[in-house]
Amino acid sequence: MQKFILKNIITGVKENLSYSELMTRLNKNRKEFFNTYRIETVSKKSIIEKLLFTLFVGVSSLAMGVLILESITQIF
């Protein structure tokens, strides 16, 4: 899920906005918007995505270790 941080260049105030809120704000005053604000995107991964990635890397590393050990033992 992406969130957007809208930073006012003049005052330095930051606001957290969703995509729909950002589009609403942008459509109200498009001409002056980019002179006043800068947009930063923040992409947050869920805990499940992080756990699945960690599990995948761990299993892949284990499998590579097994393959390397198996090839070493077949050589000797």
N, C-alpha and C. Protein backbone atom coordinates (compact mmCIF):
# COMPACT_ATOMS: atom_id res chain seq x y z
N MET A 1 0.84 -1.16 0.00
CA MET A 1 0.00 0.00 0.00
C MET A 1 0.90 1.24 0.00
N GLN A 2 0.61 2.17 -0.90
CA GLN A 2 1.42 3.37 -1.00
C GLN A 2 0.76 4.53 -0.29
N LYS A 3 1.56 5.25 0.42
CA LYS A 3 1.15 6.50 1.04
C LYS A 3 2.01 7.60 0.44
N PHE A 4 1.49 8.80 0.47
CA PHE A 4 2.20 9.93 -0.07
C PHE A 4 2.40 10.97 1.01
N ILE A 5 3.61 11.53 1.07
CA ILE A 5 3.90 12.60 2.00
C ILE A 5 3.96 13.88 1.19
N LEU A 6 3.10 14.81 1.52
CA LEU A 6 3.02 16.09 0.84
C LEU A 6 3.74 17.12 1.71
N LYS A 7 4.80 17.71 1.18
CA LYS A 7 5.59 18.67 1.96
C LYS A 7 5.42 20.06 1.37
N ASN A 8 4.97 20.98 2.22
CA ASN A 8 4.84 22.37 1.81
C ASN A 8 6.22 22.99 1.82
N ILE A 9 6.65 23.52 0.67
CA ILE A 9 7.98 24.08 0.54
C ILE A 9 8.14 25.33 1.39
N ILE A 10 7.10 26.12 1.47
CA ILE A 10 7.18 27.41 2.16
C ILE A 10 7.21 27.23 3.67
N THR A 11 6.28 26.44 4.21
CA THR A 11 6.19 26.29 5.67
C THR A 11 6.93 25.08 6.20
N GLY A 12 7.20 24.09 5.35
CA GLY A 12 7.89 22.88 5.80
C GLY A 12 6.96 21.86 6.45
N VAL A 13 5.65 22.10 6.40
CA VAL A 13 4.68 21.18 7.02
C VAL A 13 4.51 19.95 6.13
N LYS A 14 4.52 18.77 6.76
CA LYS A 14 4.33 17.51 6.04
C LYS A 14 2.97 16.94 6.36
N GLU A 15 2.31 16.38 5.34
CA GLU A 15 1.01 15.73 5.51
C GLU A 15 1.06 14.34 4.89
N ASN A 16 0.50 13.35 5.57
CA ASN A 16 0.38 12.00 5.03
C ASN A 16 -0.96 11.88 4.32
N LEU A 17 -0.92 11.48 3.04
CA LEU A 17 -2.13 11.39 2.24
C LEU A 17 -2.21 10.05 1.53
N SER A 18 -3.43 9.60 1.29
CA SER A 18 -3.63 8.45 0.43
C SER A 18 -3.67 8.94 -1.01
N TYR A 19 -3.75 8.02 -1.95
CA TYR A 19 -3.76 8.40 -3.37
C TYR A 19 -4.97 9.25 -3.71
N SER A 20 -6.14 8.87 -3.23
CA SER A 20 -7.36 9.62 -3.56
C SER A 20 -7.31 11.03 -2.96
N GLU A 21 -6.79 11.16 -1.75
CA GLU A 21 -6.66 12.49 -1.13
C GLU A 21 -5.67 13.36 -1.91
N LEU A 22 -4.58 12.74 -2.37
CA LEU A 22 -3.60 13.47 -3.15
C LEU A 22 -4.20 13.96 -4.47
N MET A 23 -4.95 13.11 -5.15
CA MET A 23 -5.57 13.49 -6.42
C MET A 23 -6.60 14.60 -6.22
N THR A 24 -7.34 14.54 -5.14
CA THR A 24 -8.31 15.60 -4.85
C THR A 24 -7.61 16.93 -4.64
N ARG A 25 -6.54 16.92 -3.87
CA ARG A 25 -5.78 18.13 -3.60
C ARG A 25 -5.14 18.66 -4.89
N LEU A 26 -4.63 17.74 -5.70
CA LEU A 26 -3.96 18.13 -6.94
C LEU A 26 -4.94 18.74 -7.94
N ASN A 27 -6.13 18.17 -8.05
CA ASN A 27 -7.11 18.66 -9.01
C ASN A 27 -7.71 20.01 -8.62
N LYS A 28 -7.70 20.35 -7.35
CA LYS A 28 -8.26 21.63 -6.91
C LYS A 28 -7.46 22.81 -7.44
N ASN A 29 -6.15 22.70 -7.37
CA ASN A 29 -5.31 23.84 -7.74
C ASN A 29 -4.04 23.33 -8.42
N ARG A 30 -4.19 22.81 -9.63
CA ARG A 30 -3.08 22.17 -10.33
C ARG A 30 -1.95 23.15 -10.68
N LYS A 31 -2.30 24.39 -11.03
CA LYS A 31 -1.28 25.36 -11.47
C LYS A 31 -0.29 25.70 -10.36
N GLU A 32 -0.79 25.95 -9.18
CA GLU A 32 0.07 26.36 -8.07
C GLU A 32 0.58 25.19 -7.23
N PHE A 33 0.04 24.00 -7.47
CA PHE A 33 0.34 22.85 -6.61
C PHE A 33 1.84 22.55 -6.56
N PHE A 34 2.47 22.42 -7.72
CA PHE A 34 3.87 22.01 -7.75
C PHE A 34 4.82 23.14 -7.39
N ASN A 35 4.33 24.37 -7.37
CA ASN A 35 5.16 25.48 -6.88
C ASN A 35 5.17 25.52 -5.36
N THR A 36 4.14 24.96 -4.75
CA THR A 36 4.00 25.00 -3.29
C THR A 36 4.39 23.70 -2.61
N TYR A 37 4.14 22.56 -3.25
CA TYR A 37 4.32 21.25 -2.60
C TYR A 37 5.32 20.36 -3.33
N ARG A 38 5.92 19.48 -2.57
CA ARG A 38 6.73 18.38 -3.09
C ARG A 38 6.09 17.08 -2.60
N ILE A 39 6.14 16.06 -3.44
CA ILE A 39 5.51 14.78 -3.12
C ILE A 39 6.57 13.72 -2.92
N GLU A 40 6.48 12.99 -1.82
CA GLU A 40 7.33 11.85 -1.55
C GLU A 40 6.44 10.62 -1.43
N THR A 41 6.88 9.50 -1.99
CA THR A 41 6.10 8.28 -1.87
C THR A 41 6.71 7.39 -0.80
N VAL A 42 5.83 6.73 -0.06
CA VAL A 42 6.25 5.80 0.98
C VAL A 42 5.53 4.49 0.70
N SER A 43 6.30 3.47 0.42
CA SER A 43 5.72 2.16 0.15
C SER A 43 5.99 1.26 1.34
N LYS A 44 4.95 0.78 1.96
CA LYS A 44 5.11 -0.08 3.13
C LYS A 44 4.76 -1.51 2.76
N LYS A 45 5.65 -2.42 3.13
CA LYS A 45 5.38 -3.83 2.91
C LYS A 45 4.71 -4.40 4.15
N SER A 46 3.80 -5.29 3.93
CA SER A 46 3.13 -5.91 5.06
C SER A 46 4.07 -6.92 5.73
N ILE A 47 3.74 -7.29 6.93
CA ILE A 47 4.55 -8.24 7.68
C ILE A 47 4.57 -9.60 6.99
N ILE A 48 3.46 -9.97 6.39
CA ILE A 48 3.39 -11.26 5.69
C ILE A 48 4.37 -11.28 4.52
N GLU A 49 4.44 -10.18 3.76
CA GLU A 49 5.38 -10.11 2.64
C GLU A 49 6.81 -10.25 3.13
N LYS A 50 7.13 -9.58 4.23
CA LYS A 50 8.49 -9.66 4.78
C LYS A 50 8.81 -11.07 5.24
N LEU A 51 7.86 -11.71 5.91
CA LEU A 51 8.09 -13.08 6.39
C LEU A 51 8.24 -14.06 5.23
N LEU A 52 7.42 -13.93 4.20
CA LEU A 52 7.52 -14.81 3.04
C LEU A 52 8.85 -14.62 2.32
N PHE A 53 9.29 -13.39 2.21
CA PHE A 53 10.59 -13.12 1.58
C PHE A 53 11.73 -13.74 2.38
N THR A 54 11.68 -13.58 3.70
CA THR A 54 12.71 -14.15 4.57
C THR A 54 12.71 -15.67 4.48
N LEU A 55 11.53 -16.27 4.47
CA LEU A 55 11.42 -17.72 4.35
C LEU A 55 11.97 -18.20 3.01
N PHE A 56 11.66 -17.49 1.94
CA PHE A 56 12.15 -17.86 0.61
C PHE A 56 13.67 -17.79 0.55
N VAL A 57 14.26 -16.73 1.09
CA VAL A 57 15.72 -16.58 1.08
C VAL A 57 16.36 -17.67 1.93
N GLY A 58 15.77 -17.96 3.07
CA GLY A 58 16.32 -19.00 3.94
C GLY A 58 16.29 -20.37 3.30
N VAL A 59 15.17 -20.73 2.70
CA VAL A 59 15.05 -22.04 2.05
C VAL A 59 15.98 -22.13 0.85
N SER A 60 16.08 -21.04 0.10
CA SER A 60 16.98 -21.03 -1.07
C SER A 60 18.44 -21.20 -0.63
N SER A 61 18.82 -20.53 0.44
CA SER A 61 20.19 -20.66 0.94
C SER A 61 20.47 -22.08 1.42
N LEU A 62 19.52 -22.65 2.10
CA LEU A 62 19.66 -24.03 2.58
C LEU A 62 19.78 -25.00 1.40
N ALA A 63 18.97 -24.81 0.38
CA ALA A 63 19.02 -25.68 -0.79
C ALA A 63 20.36 -25.56 -1.51
N MET A 64 20.87 -24.34 -1.63
CA MET A 64 22.18 -24.15 -2.27
C MET A 64 23.28 -24.83 -1.46
N GLY A 65 23.21 -24.74 -0.14
CA GLY A 65 24.19 -25.40 0.71
C GLY A 65 24.16 -26.91 0.54
N VAL A 66 22.95 -27.46 0.46
CA VAL A 66 22.81 -28.91 0.27
C VAL A 66 23.38 -29.33 -1.07
N LEU A 67 23.12 -28.56 -2.13
CA LEU A 67 23.65 -28.89 -3.45
C LEU A 67 25.17 -28.82 -3.49
N ILE A 68 25.74 -27.84 -2.83
CA ILE A 68 27.19 -27.71 -2.79
C ILE A 68 27.81 -28.86 -2.02
N LEU A 69 27.25 -29.20 -0.86
CA LEU A 69 27.76 -30.33 -0.08
C LEU A 69 27.62 -31.65 -0.84
N GLU A 70 26.53 -31.81 -1.54
CA GLU A 70 26.32 -33.04 -2.32
C GLU A 70 27.35 -33.15 -3.44
N SER A 71 27.63 -32.05 -4.09
CA SER A 71 28.63 -32.11 -5.18
C SER A 71 30.03 -32.34 -4.63
N ILE A 72 30.33 -31.80 -3.45
CA ILE A 72 31.65 -32.01 -2.84
C ILE A 72 31.82 -33.47 -2.46
N THR A 73 30.78 -34.07 -1.89
CA THR A 73 30.90 -35.46 -1.46
C THR A 73 30.97 -36.41 -2.65
N GLN A 74 30.42 -36.06 -3.79
CA GLN A 74 30.51 -36.92 -4.97
C GLN A 74 31.89 -36.84 -5.60
N ILE A 75 32.57 -35.71 -5.43
CA ILE A 75 33.92 -35.55 -5.99
C ILE A 75 34.90 -36.43 -5.22
N PHE A 76 34.77 -36.45 -3.91
CA PHE A 76 35.69 -37.23 -3.08
C PHE A 76 35.08 -38.53 -2.82
